[in-house]
Amino acid sequence: MKNDDKRSESIVWPILLFVAIGAASVSILVFAFHHYCLAAKTPALICEVIKTKPPWTSLTALATAPVLILIWYWRVKHKRIDIRNETQRQITERFVQAVRLLADKSLEARLGGIYSLERISRDSQDDHWTVVETLAAFIREKRKIPKSTEKSDTETESSGKDVDPVPTDIQAALTVLGRRKWAKSETGKIDLKKTNLQDAHLYKANLQNTNLQQANQN
């Protein structure tokens, strides 16, 4: 209700201004034609028409046209704003629900959350990087390398022994990150440092813009 009141107030003064402009324009036209008809030695046909049948309908339309155009523009503009706000509200609700699913005990629910986030990132470029950071954080927390086994960049290698298989949900998150729709527009780096990515399927995955410092890889 408050937003509607503010919108109504914002349109009042422009309408009054356009009404004044329209009325002034009509007054100027009436005065100009009246002066012309009085000054002309041989009154033109339009002068006779104006005297016998004043075009009040046309003059009224001329005066109100700017107001009608302003009102139409105002309605269209705020309709677009309402649609954009509603779309953003729905995306926010979808994002919150998807993040909640990432913490679910059920694998199916977590997968649903991951693919829901992917859909959001594809539908809304503005929310793309937020989804990327969320999935990267999910992977880091689930597959972080214990401090006791961390290695430097030169020492990092795959031993092939006692490697935990990559969970299905982690692989799904990596796959989603690897096929990002808006990757070319990214300005930051995906943070997967100190992450255990051994045995992860990253074939054809777009991870060029990724920080893999001290990450275990095949």
C-alpha atoms as a PDB file:
ATOM      1  CA  MET A   1       0.000   0.000   0.000  1.00  0.00           C
ATOM      2  CA  LYS A   2       2.816   2.425   0.830  1.00  0.00           C
ATOM      3  CA  ASN A   3       4.451   1.791  -2.552  1.00  0.00           C
ATOM      4  CA  ASP A   4       1.141   2.450  -4.313  1.00  0.00           C
ATOM      5  CA  ASP A   5       0.739   5.728  -2.399  1.00  0.00           C
ATOM      6  CA  LYS A   6       4.244   6.819  -3.357  1.00  0.00           C
ATOM      7  CA  ARG A   7       3.585   5.980  -6.982  1.00  0.00           C
ATOM      8  CA  SER A   8       0.340   7.951  -6.960  1.00  0.00           C
ATOM      9  CA  GLU A   9       2.109  10.947  -5.452  1.00  0.00           C
ATOM     10  CA  SER A  10       4.889  10.722  -8.021  1.00  0.00           C
ATOM     11  CA  ILE A  11       2.431  11.049 -10.910  1.00  0.00           C
ATOM     12  CA  VAL A  12       0.321  13.938  -9.526  1.00  0.00           C
ATOM     13  CA  TRP A  13       2.746  16.784 -10.228  1.00  0.00           C
ATOM     14  CA  PRO A  14       3.658  15.635 -13.759  1.00  0.00           C
ATOM     15  CA  ILE A  15      -0.061  15.367 -14.591  1.00  0.00           C
ATOM     16  CA  LEU A  16      -0.726  18.863 -13.281  1.00  0.00           C
ATOM     17  CA  LEU A  17       2.256  20.148 -15.253  1.00  0.00           C
ATOM     18  CA  PHE A  18       1.049  18.523 -18.476  1.00  0.00           C
ATOM     19  CA  VAL A  19      -2.496  19.820 -17.895  1.00  0.00           C
ATOM     20  CA  ALA A  20      -1.077  23.314 -17.536  1.00  0.00           C
ATOM     21  CA  ILE A  21       1.016  22.878 -20.689  1.00  0.00           C
ATOM     22  CA  GLY A  22      -1.978  21.555 -22.611  1.00  0.00           C
ATOM     23  CA  ALA A  23      -4.242  24.390 -21.443  1.00  0.00           C
ATOM     24  CA  ALA A  24      -1.577  26.954 -22.276  1.00  0.00           C
ATOM     25  CA  SER A  25      -1.105  25.443 -25.730  1.00  0.00           C
ATOM     26  CA  VAL A  26      -4.840  25.596 -26.469  1.00  0.00           C
ATOM     27  CA  SER A  27      -5.055  29.167 -25.195  1.00  0.00           C
ATOM     28  CA  ILE A  28      -2.166  30.207 -27.426  1.00  0.00           C
ATOM     29  CA  LEU A  29      -3.761  28.574 -30.474  1.00  0.00           C
ATOM     30  CA  VAL A  30      -7.141  30.192 -29.789  1.00  0.00           C
ATOM     31  CA  PHE A  31      -5.512  33.598 -29.319  1.00  0.00           C
ATOM     32  CA  ALA A  32      -3.372  33.183 -32.454  1.00  0.00           C
ATOM     33  CA  PHE A  33      -6.325  32.231 -34.654  1.00  0.00           C
ATOM     34  CA  HIS A  34      -8.484  34.977 -33.151  1.00  0.00           C
ATOM     35  CA  HIS A  35      -5.778  37.579 -33.767  1.00  0.00           C
ATOM     36  CA  TYR A  36      -5.217  36.285 -37.305  1.00  0.00           C
ATOM     37  CA  CYS A  37      -8.912  36.348 -38.172  1.00  0.00           C
ATOM     38  CA  LEU A  38      -9.335  39.899 -36.843  1.00  0.00           C
ATOM     39  CA  ALA A  39      -6.251  41.153 -38.661  1.00  0.00           C
ATOM     40  CA  ALA A  40      -7.032  39.498 -41.997  1.00  0.00           C
ATOM     41  CA  LYS A  41      -8.778  41.745 -44.503  1.00  0.00           C
ATOM     42  CA  THR A  42     -10.347  38.728 -46.147  1.00  0.00           C
ATOM     43  CA  PRO A  43     -10.998  36.146 -43.426  1.00  0.00           C
ATOM     44  CA  ALA A  44      -9.949  32.653 -44.426  1.00  0.00           C
ATOM     45  CA  LEU A  45     -12.400  29.783 -44.471  1.00  0.00           C
ATOM     46  CA  ILE A  46     -11.011  28.469 -41.207  1.00  0.00           C
ATOM     47  CA  CYS A  47     -12.011  31.692 -39.501  1.00  0.00           C
ATOM     48  CA  GLU A  48     -15.622  31.239 -40.617  1.00  0.00           C
ATOM     49  CA  VAL A  49     -15.565  27.636 -39.419  1.00  0.00           C
ATOM     50  CA  ILE A  50     -14.195  28.627 -36.012  1.00  0.00           C
ATOM     51  CA  LYS A  51     -16.834  31.372 -35.622  1.00  0.00           C
ATOM     52  CA  THR A  52     -19.776  29.176 -36.613  1.00  0.00           C
ATOM     53  CA  LYS A  53     -18.641  25.897 -35.076  1.00  0.00           C
ATOM     54  CA  PRO A  54     -15.761  26.147 -32.588  1.00  0.00           C
ATOM     55  CA  PRO A  55     -13.655  22.921 -32.582  1.00  0.00           C
ATOM     56  CA  TRP A  56     -13.839  22.421 -28.850  1.00  0.00           C
ATOM     57  CA  THR A  57     -13.574  18.635 -29.187  1.00  0.00           C
ATOM     58  CA  SER A  58     -10.288  18.859 -31.078  1.00  0.00           C
ATOM     59  CA  LEU A  59      -8.919  21.490 -28.732  1.00  0.00           C
ATOM     60  CA  THR A  60      -9.875  19.407 -25.704  1.00  0.00           C
ATOM     61  CA  ALA A  61      -8.182  16.365 -27.225  1.00  0.00           C
ATOM     62  CA  LEU A  62      -5.089  18.437 -27.895  1.00  0.00           C
ATOM     63  CA  ALA A  63      -5.005  19.613 -24.300  1.00  0.00           C
ATOM     64  CA  THR A  64      -5.525  16.175 -22.758  1.00  0.00           C
ATOM     65  CA  ALA A  65      -3.294  14.166 -25.128  1.00  0.00           C
ATOM     66  CA  PRO A  66      -0.058  14.826 -23.158  1.00  0.00           C
ATOM     67  CA  VAL A  67      -1.744  13.785 -19.927  1.00  0.00           C
ATOM     68  CA  LEU A  68      -3.042  10.550 -21.447  1.00  0.00           C
ATOM     69  CA  ILE A  69       0.378   9.765 -22.895  1.00  0.00           C
ATOM     70  CA  LEU A  70       2.021  10.418 -19.516  1.00  0.00           C
ATOM     71  CA  ILE A  71      -0.453   8.192 -17.682  1.00  0.00           C
ATOM     72  CA  TRP A  72       0.049   5.388 -20.233  1.00  0.00           C
ATOM     73  CA  TYR A  73       3.834   5.643 -19.927  1.00  0.00           C
ATOM     74  CA  TRP A  74       3.621   5.661 -16.124  1.00  0.00           C
ATOM     75  CA  ARG A  75       1.421   2.546 -16.065  1.00  0.00           C
ATOM     76  CA  VAL A  76       3.641   0.644 -18.519  1.00  0.00           C
ATOM     77  CA  LYS A  77       6.810   1.613 -16.643  1.00  0.00           C
ATOM     78  CA  HIS A  78       5.522   0.522 -13.236  1.00  0.00           C
ATOM     79  CA  LYS A  79       4.001  -2.628 -14.704  1.00  0.00           C
ATOM     80  CA  ARG A  80       7.466  -3.609 -15.900  1.00  0.00           C
ATOM     81  CA  ILE A  81       8.896  -2.802 -12.474  1.00  0.00           C
ATOM     82  CA  ASP A  82       6.223  -4.980 -10.814  1.00  0.00           C
ATOM     83  CA  ILE A  83       6.973  -7.868 -13.178  1.00  0.00           C
ATOM     84  CA  ARG A  84      10.729  -7.558 -12.548  1.00  0.00           C
ATOM     85  CA  ASN A  85      10.227  -7.421  -8.774  1.00  0.00           C
ATOM     86  CA  GLU A  86       7.914 -10.428  -8.839  1.00  0.00           C
ATOM     87  CA  THR A  87      10.384 -12.386 -10.955  1.00  0.00           C
ATOM     88  CA  GLN A  88      13.215 -11.554  -8.557  1.00  0.00           C
ATOM     89  CA  ARG A  89      11.061 -12.537  -5.581  1.00  0.00           C
ATOM     90  CA  GLN A  90      10.345 -15.923  -7.153  1.00  0.00           C
ATOM     91  CA  ILE A  91      14.028 -16.469  -7.939  1.00  0.00           C
ATOM     92  CA  THR A  92      14.945 -15.618  -4.340  1.00  0.00           C
ATOM     93  CA  GLU A  93      12.401 -18.118  -3.021  1.00  0.00           C
ATOM     94  CA  ARG A  94      13.705 -20.791  -5.390  1.00  0.00           C
ATOM     95  CA  PHE A  95      17.278 -20.075  -4.315  1.00  0.00           C
ATOM     96  CA  VAL A  96      16.475 -20.323  -0.599  1.00  0.00           C
ATOM     97  CA  GLN A  97      14.612 -23.589  -1.124  1.00  0.00           C
ATOM     98  CA  ALA A  98      17.457 -25.033  -3.226  1.00  0.00           C
ATOM     99  CA  VAL A  99      20.085 -24.139  -0.600  1.00  0.00           C
ATOM    100  CA  ARG A 100      17.982 -25.828   2.073  1.00  0.00           C
ATOM    101  CA  LEU A 101      17.922 -28.982  -0.043  1.00  0.00           C
ATOM    102  CA  LEU A 102      21.732 -29.031  -0.131  1.00  0.00           C
ATOM    103  CA  ALA A 103      21.708 -29.724   3.623  1.00  0.00           C
ATOM    104  CA  ASP A 104      19.113 -32.498   3.358  1.00  0.00           C
ATOM    105  CA  LYS A 105      20.077 -36.026   4.403  1.00  0.00           C
ATOM    106  CA  SER A 106      18.521 -37.494   1.280  1.00  0.00           C
ATOM    107  CA  LEU A 107      20.753 -37.763  -1.787  1.00  0.00           C
ATOM    108  CA  GLU A 108      17.767 -37.214  -4.055  1.00  0.00           C
ATOM    109  CA  ALA A 109      16.920 -33.977  -2.269  1.00  0.00           C
ATOM    110  CA  ARG A 110      20.507 -32.702  -2.522  1.00  0.00           C
ATOM    111  CA  LEU A 111      20.595 -33.491  -6.233  1.00  0.00           C
ATOM    112  CA  GLY A 112      17.327 -31.650  -6.637  1.00  0.00           C
ATOM    113  CA  GLY A 113      18.849 -28.628  -4.898  1.00  0.00           C
ATOM    114  CA  ILE A 114      21.943 -28.720  -7.116  1.00  0.00           C
ATOM    115  CA  TYR A 115      19.989 -28.857 -10.363  1.00  0.00           C
ATOM    116  CA  SER A 116      17.549 -26.234  -9.108  1.00  0.00           C
ATOM    117  CA  LEU A 117      20.506 -23.911  -8.548  1.00  0.00           C
ATOM    118  CA  GLU A 118      21.724 -24.647 -12.053  1.00  0.00           C
ATOM    119  CA  ARG A 119      18.326 -23.719 -13.451  1.00  0.00           C
ATOM    120  CA  ILE A 120      18.373 -20.441 -11.497  1.00  0.00           C
ATOM    121  CA  SER A 121      21.843 -19.570 -12.799  1.00  0.00           C
ATOM    122  CA  ARG A 122      20.674 -20.194 -16.368  1.00  0.00           C
ATOM    123  CA  ASP A 123      17.447 -18.225 -15.964  1.00  0.00           C
ATOM    124  CA  SER A 124      19.052 -15.225 -14.261  1.00  0.00           C
ATOM    125  CA  GLN A 125      22.512 -13.997 -15.229  1.00  0.00           C
ATOM    126  CA  ASP A 126      22.422 -11.589 -12.267  1.00  0.00           C
ATOM    127  CA  ASP A 127      22.238 -14.567  -9.885  1.00  0.00           C
ATOM    128  CA  HIS A 128      24.715 -16.722 -11.787  1.00  0.00           C
ATOM    129  CA  TRP A 129      27.790 -15.947  -9.699  1.00  0.00           C
ATOM    130  CA  THR A 130      25.899 -16.369  -6.416  1.00  0.00           C
ATOM    131  CA  VAL A 131      24.942 -19.888  -7.503  1.00  0.00           C
ATOM    132  CA  VAL A 132      28.525 -20.635  -8.565  1.00  0.00           C
ATOM    133  CA  GLU A 133      29.911 -19.539  -5.198  1.00  0.00           C
ATOM    134  CA  THR A 134      27.241 -21.555  -3.372  1.00  0.00           C
ATOM    135  CA  LEU A 135      28.049 -24.769  -5.248  1.00  0.00           C
ATOM    136  CA  ALA A 136      31.799 -24.192  -4.847  1.00  0.00           C
ATOM    137  CA  ALA A 137      31.356 -23.758  -1.091  1.00  0.00           C
ATOM    138  CA  PHE A 138      29.239 -26.935  -0.992  1.00  0.00           C
ATOM    139  CA  ILE A 139      32.033 -28.884  -2.716  1.00  0.00           C
ATOM    140  CA  ARG A 140      34.785 -27.426  -0.513  1.00  0.00           C
ATOM    141  CA  GLU A 141      32.968 -28.268   2.712  1.00  0.00           C
ATOM    142  CA  LYS A 142      32.175 -31.805   1.621  1.00  0.00           C
ATOM    143  CA  ARG A 143      35.570 -32.599   0.058  1.00  0.00           C
ATOM    144  CA  LYS A 144      38.078 -30.447   1.920  1.00  0.00           C
ATOM    145  CA  ILE A 145      41.498 -31.966   2.462  1.00  0.00           C
ATOM    146  CA  PRO A 146      42.349 -32.553   6.145  1.00  0.00           C
ATOM    147  CA  LYS A 147      45.200 -30.340   7.346  1.00  0.00           C
ATOM    148  CA  SER A 148      47.227 -33.390   8.320  1.00  0.00           C
ATOM    149  CA  THR A 149      47.289 -34.573   4.688  1.00  0.00           C
ATOM    150  CA  GLU A 150      47.635 -31.205   2.908  1.00  0.00           C
ATOM    151  CA  LYS A 151      50.484 -30.965   0.415  1.00  0.00           C
ATOM    152  CA  SER A 152      52.106 -28.070  -1.333  1.00  0.00           C
ATOM    153  CA  ASP A 153      51.553 -27.460  -5.047  1.00  0.00           C
ATOM    154  CA  THR A 154      54.795 -29.279  -5.927  1.00  0.00           C
ATOM    155  CA  GLU A 155      54.057 -32.217  -3.629  1.00  0.00           C
ATOM    156  CA  THR A 156      50.439 -32.733  -4.608  1.00  0.00           C
ATOM    157  CA  GLU A 157      50.014 -36.030  -6.392  1.00  0.00           C
ATOM    158  CA  SER A 158      47.587 -38.894  -6.730  1.00  0.00           C
ATOM    159  CA  SER A 159      48.703 -41.965  -4.834  1.00  0.00           C
ATOM    160  CA  GLY A 160      45.827 -44.130  -6.004  1.00  0.00           C
ATOM    161  CA  LYS A 161      45.463 -45.612  -2.503  1.00  0.00           C
ATOM    162  CA  ASP A 162      42.684 -45.197   0.009  1.00  0.00           C
ATOM    163  CA  VAL A 163      40.910 -42.621  -2.119  1.00  0.00           C
ATOM    164  CA  ASP A 164      37.294 -42.109  -1.166  1.00  0.00           C
ATOM    165  CA  PRO A 165      34.978 -42.340  -4.160  1.00  0.00           C
ATOM    166  CA  VAL A 166      33.489 -39.017  -5.198  1.00  0.00           C
ATOM    167  CA  PRO A 167      29.934 -38.789  -3.829  1.00  0.00           C
ATOM    168  CA  THR A 168      27.180 -38.502  -6.418  1.00  0.00           C
ATOM    169  CA  ASP A 169      26.061 -35.071  -5.235  1.00  0.00           C
ATOM    170  CA  ILE A 170      29.614 -33.683  -5.317  1.00  0.00           C
ATOM    171  CA  GLN A 171      30.100 -35.017  -8.831  1.00  0.00           C
ATOM    172  CA  ALA A 172      26.800 -33.431  -9.841  1.00  0.00           C
ATOM    173  CA  ALA A 173      27.877 -30.075  -8.418  1.00  0.00           C
ATOM    174  CA  LEU A 174      31.213 -30.296 -10.261  1.00  0.00           C
ATOM    175  CA  THR A 175      29.412 -31.149 -13.482  1.00  0.00           C
ATOM    176  CA  VAL A 176      27.114 -28.147 -13.095  1.00  0.00           C
ATOM    177  CA  LEU A 177      30.092 -25.859 -12.477  1.00  0.00           C
ATOM    178  CA  GLY A 178      31.813 -27.308 -15.528  1.00  0.00           C
ATOM    179  CA  ARG A 179      28.966 -26.412 -17.903  1.00  0.00           C
ATOM    180  CA  ARG A 180      28.164 -22.893 -16.716  1.00  0.00           C
ATOM    181  CA  LYS A 181      26.136 -20.862 -19.191  1.00  0.00           C
ATOM    182  CA  TRP A 182      27.582 -17.439 -18.322  1.00  0.00           C
ATOM    183  CA  ALA A 183      31.206 -18.485 -17.804  1.00  0.00           C
ATOM    184  CA  LYS A 184      32.533 -15.870 -20.263  1.00  0.00           C
ATOM    185  CA  SER A 185      31.066 -13.006 -18.233  1.00  0.00           C
ATOM    186  CA  GLU A 186      32.673 -14.038 -14.944  1.00  0.00           C
ATOM    187  CA  THR A 187      35.167 -11.665 -13.362  1.00  0.00           C
ATOM    188  CA  GLY A 188      36.136 -13.742 -10.320  1.00  0.00           C
ATOM    189  CA  LYS A 189      37.621 -17.195  -9.799  1.00  0.00           C
ATOM    190  CA  ILE A 190      35.766 -20.255  -8.572  1.00  0.00           C
ATOM    191  CA  ASP A 191      37.249 -21.197  -5.217  1.00  0.00           C
ATOM    192  CA  LEU A 192      38.047 -24.933  -5.075  1.00  0.00           C
ATOM    193  CA  LYS A 193      41.400 -24.668  -3.325  1.00  0.00           C
ATOM    194  CA  LYS A 194      42.397 -27.398  -0.867  1.00  0.00           C
ATOM    195  CA  THR A 195      39.648 -29.622  -2.275  1.00  0.00           C
ATOM    196  CA  ASN A 196      39.903 -33.357  -2.834  1.00  0.00           C
ATOM    197  CA  LEU A 197      38.955 -33.868  -6.482  1.00  0.00           C
ATOM    198  CA  GLN A 198      40.614 -37.252  -6.939  1.00  0.00           C
ATOM    199  CA  ASP A 199      38.606 -39.611  -9.172  1.00  0.00           C
ATOM    200  CA  ALA A 200      36.178 -36.808 -10.066  1.00  0.00           C
ATOM    201  CA  HIS A 201      34.963 -36.875 -13.673  1.00  0.00           C
ATOM    202  CA  LEU A 202      35.997 -33.499 -15.065  1.00  0.00           C
ATOM    203  CA  TYR A 203      36.186 -34.458 -18.732  1.00  0.00           C
ATOM    204  CA  LYS A 204      35.292 -31.419 -20.892  1.00  0.00           C
ATOM    205  CA  ALA A 205      34.496 -29.435 -17.732  1.00  0.00           C
ATOM    206  CA  ASN A 206      35.113 -25.698 -18.040  1.00  0.00           C
ATOM    207  CA  LEU A 207      37.278 -25.079 -14.985  1.00  0.00           C
ATOM    208  CA  GLN A 208      39.749 -22.648 -16.561  1.00  0.00           C
ATOM    209  CA  ASN A 209      38.613 -19.838 -14.275  1.00  0.00           C
ATOM    210  CA  THR A 210      39.043 -21.905 -11.107  1.00  0.00           C
ATOM    211  CA  ASN A 211      41.407 -21.650  -8.149  1.00  0.00           C
ATOM    212  CA  LEU A 212      42.690 -25.221  -7.690  1.00  0.00           C
ATOM    213  CA  GLN A 213      45.596 -24.336  -5.431  1.00  0.00           C
ATOM    214  CA  GLN A 214      46.573 -27.335  -3.248  1.00  0.00           C
ATOM    215  CA  ALA A 215      43.664 -29.355  -4.635  1.00  0.00           C
ATOM    216  CA  ASN A 216      44.127 -33.090  -5.130  1.00  0.00           C
ATOM    217  CA  GLN A 217      43.375 -34.089  -8.715  1.00  0.00           C
ATOM    218  CA  ASN A 218      43.852 -37.130 -10.913  1.00  0.00           C
END
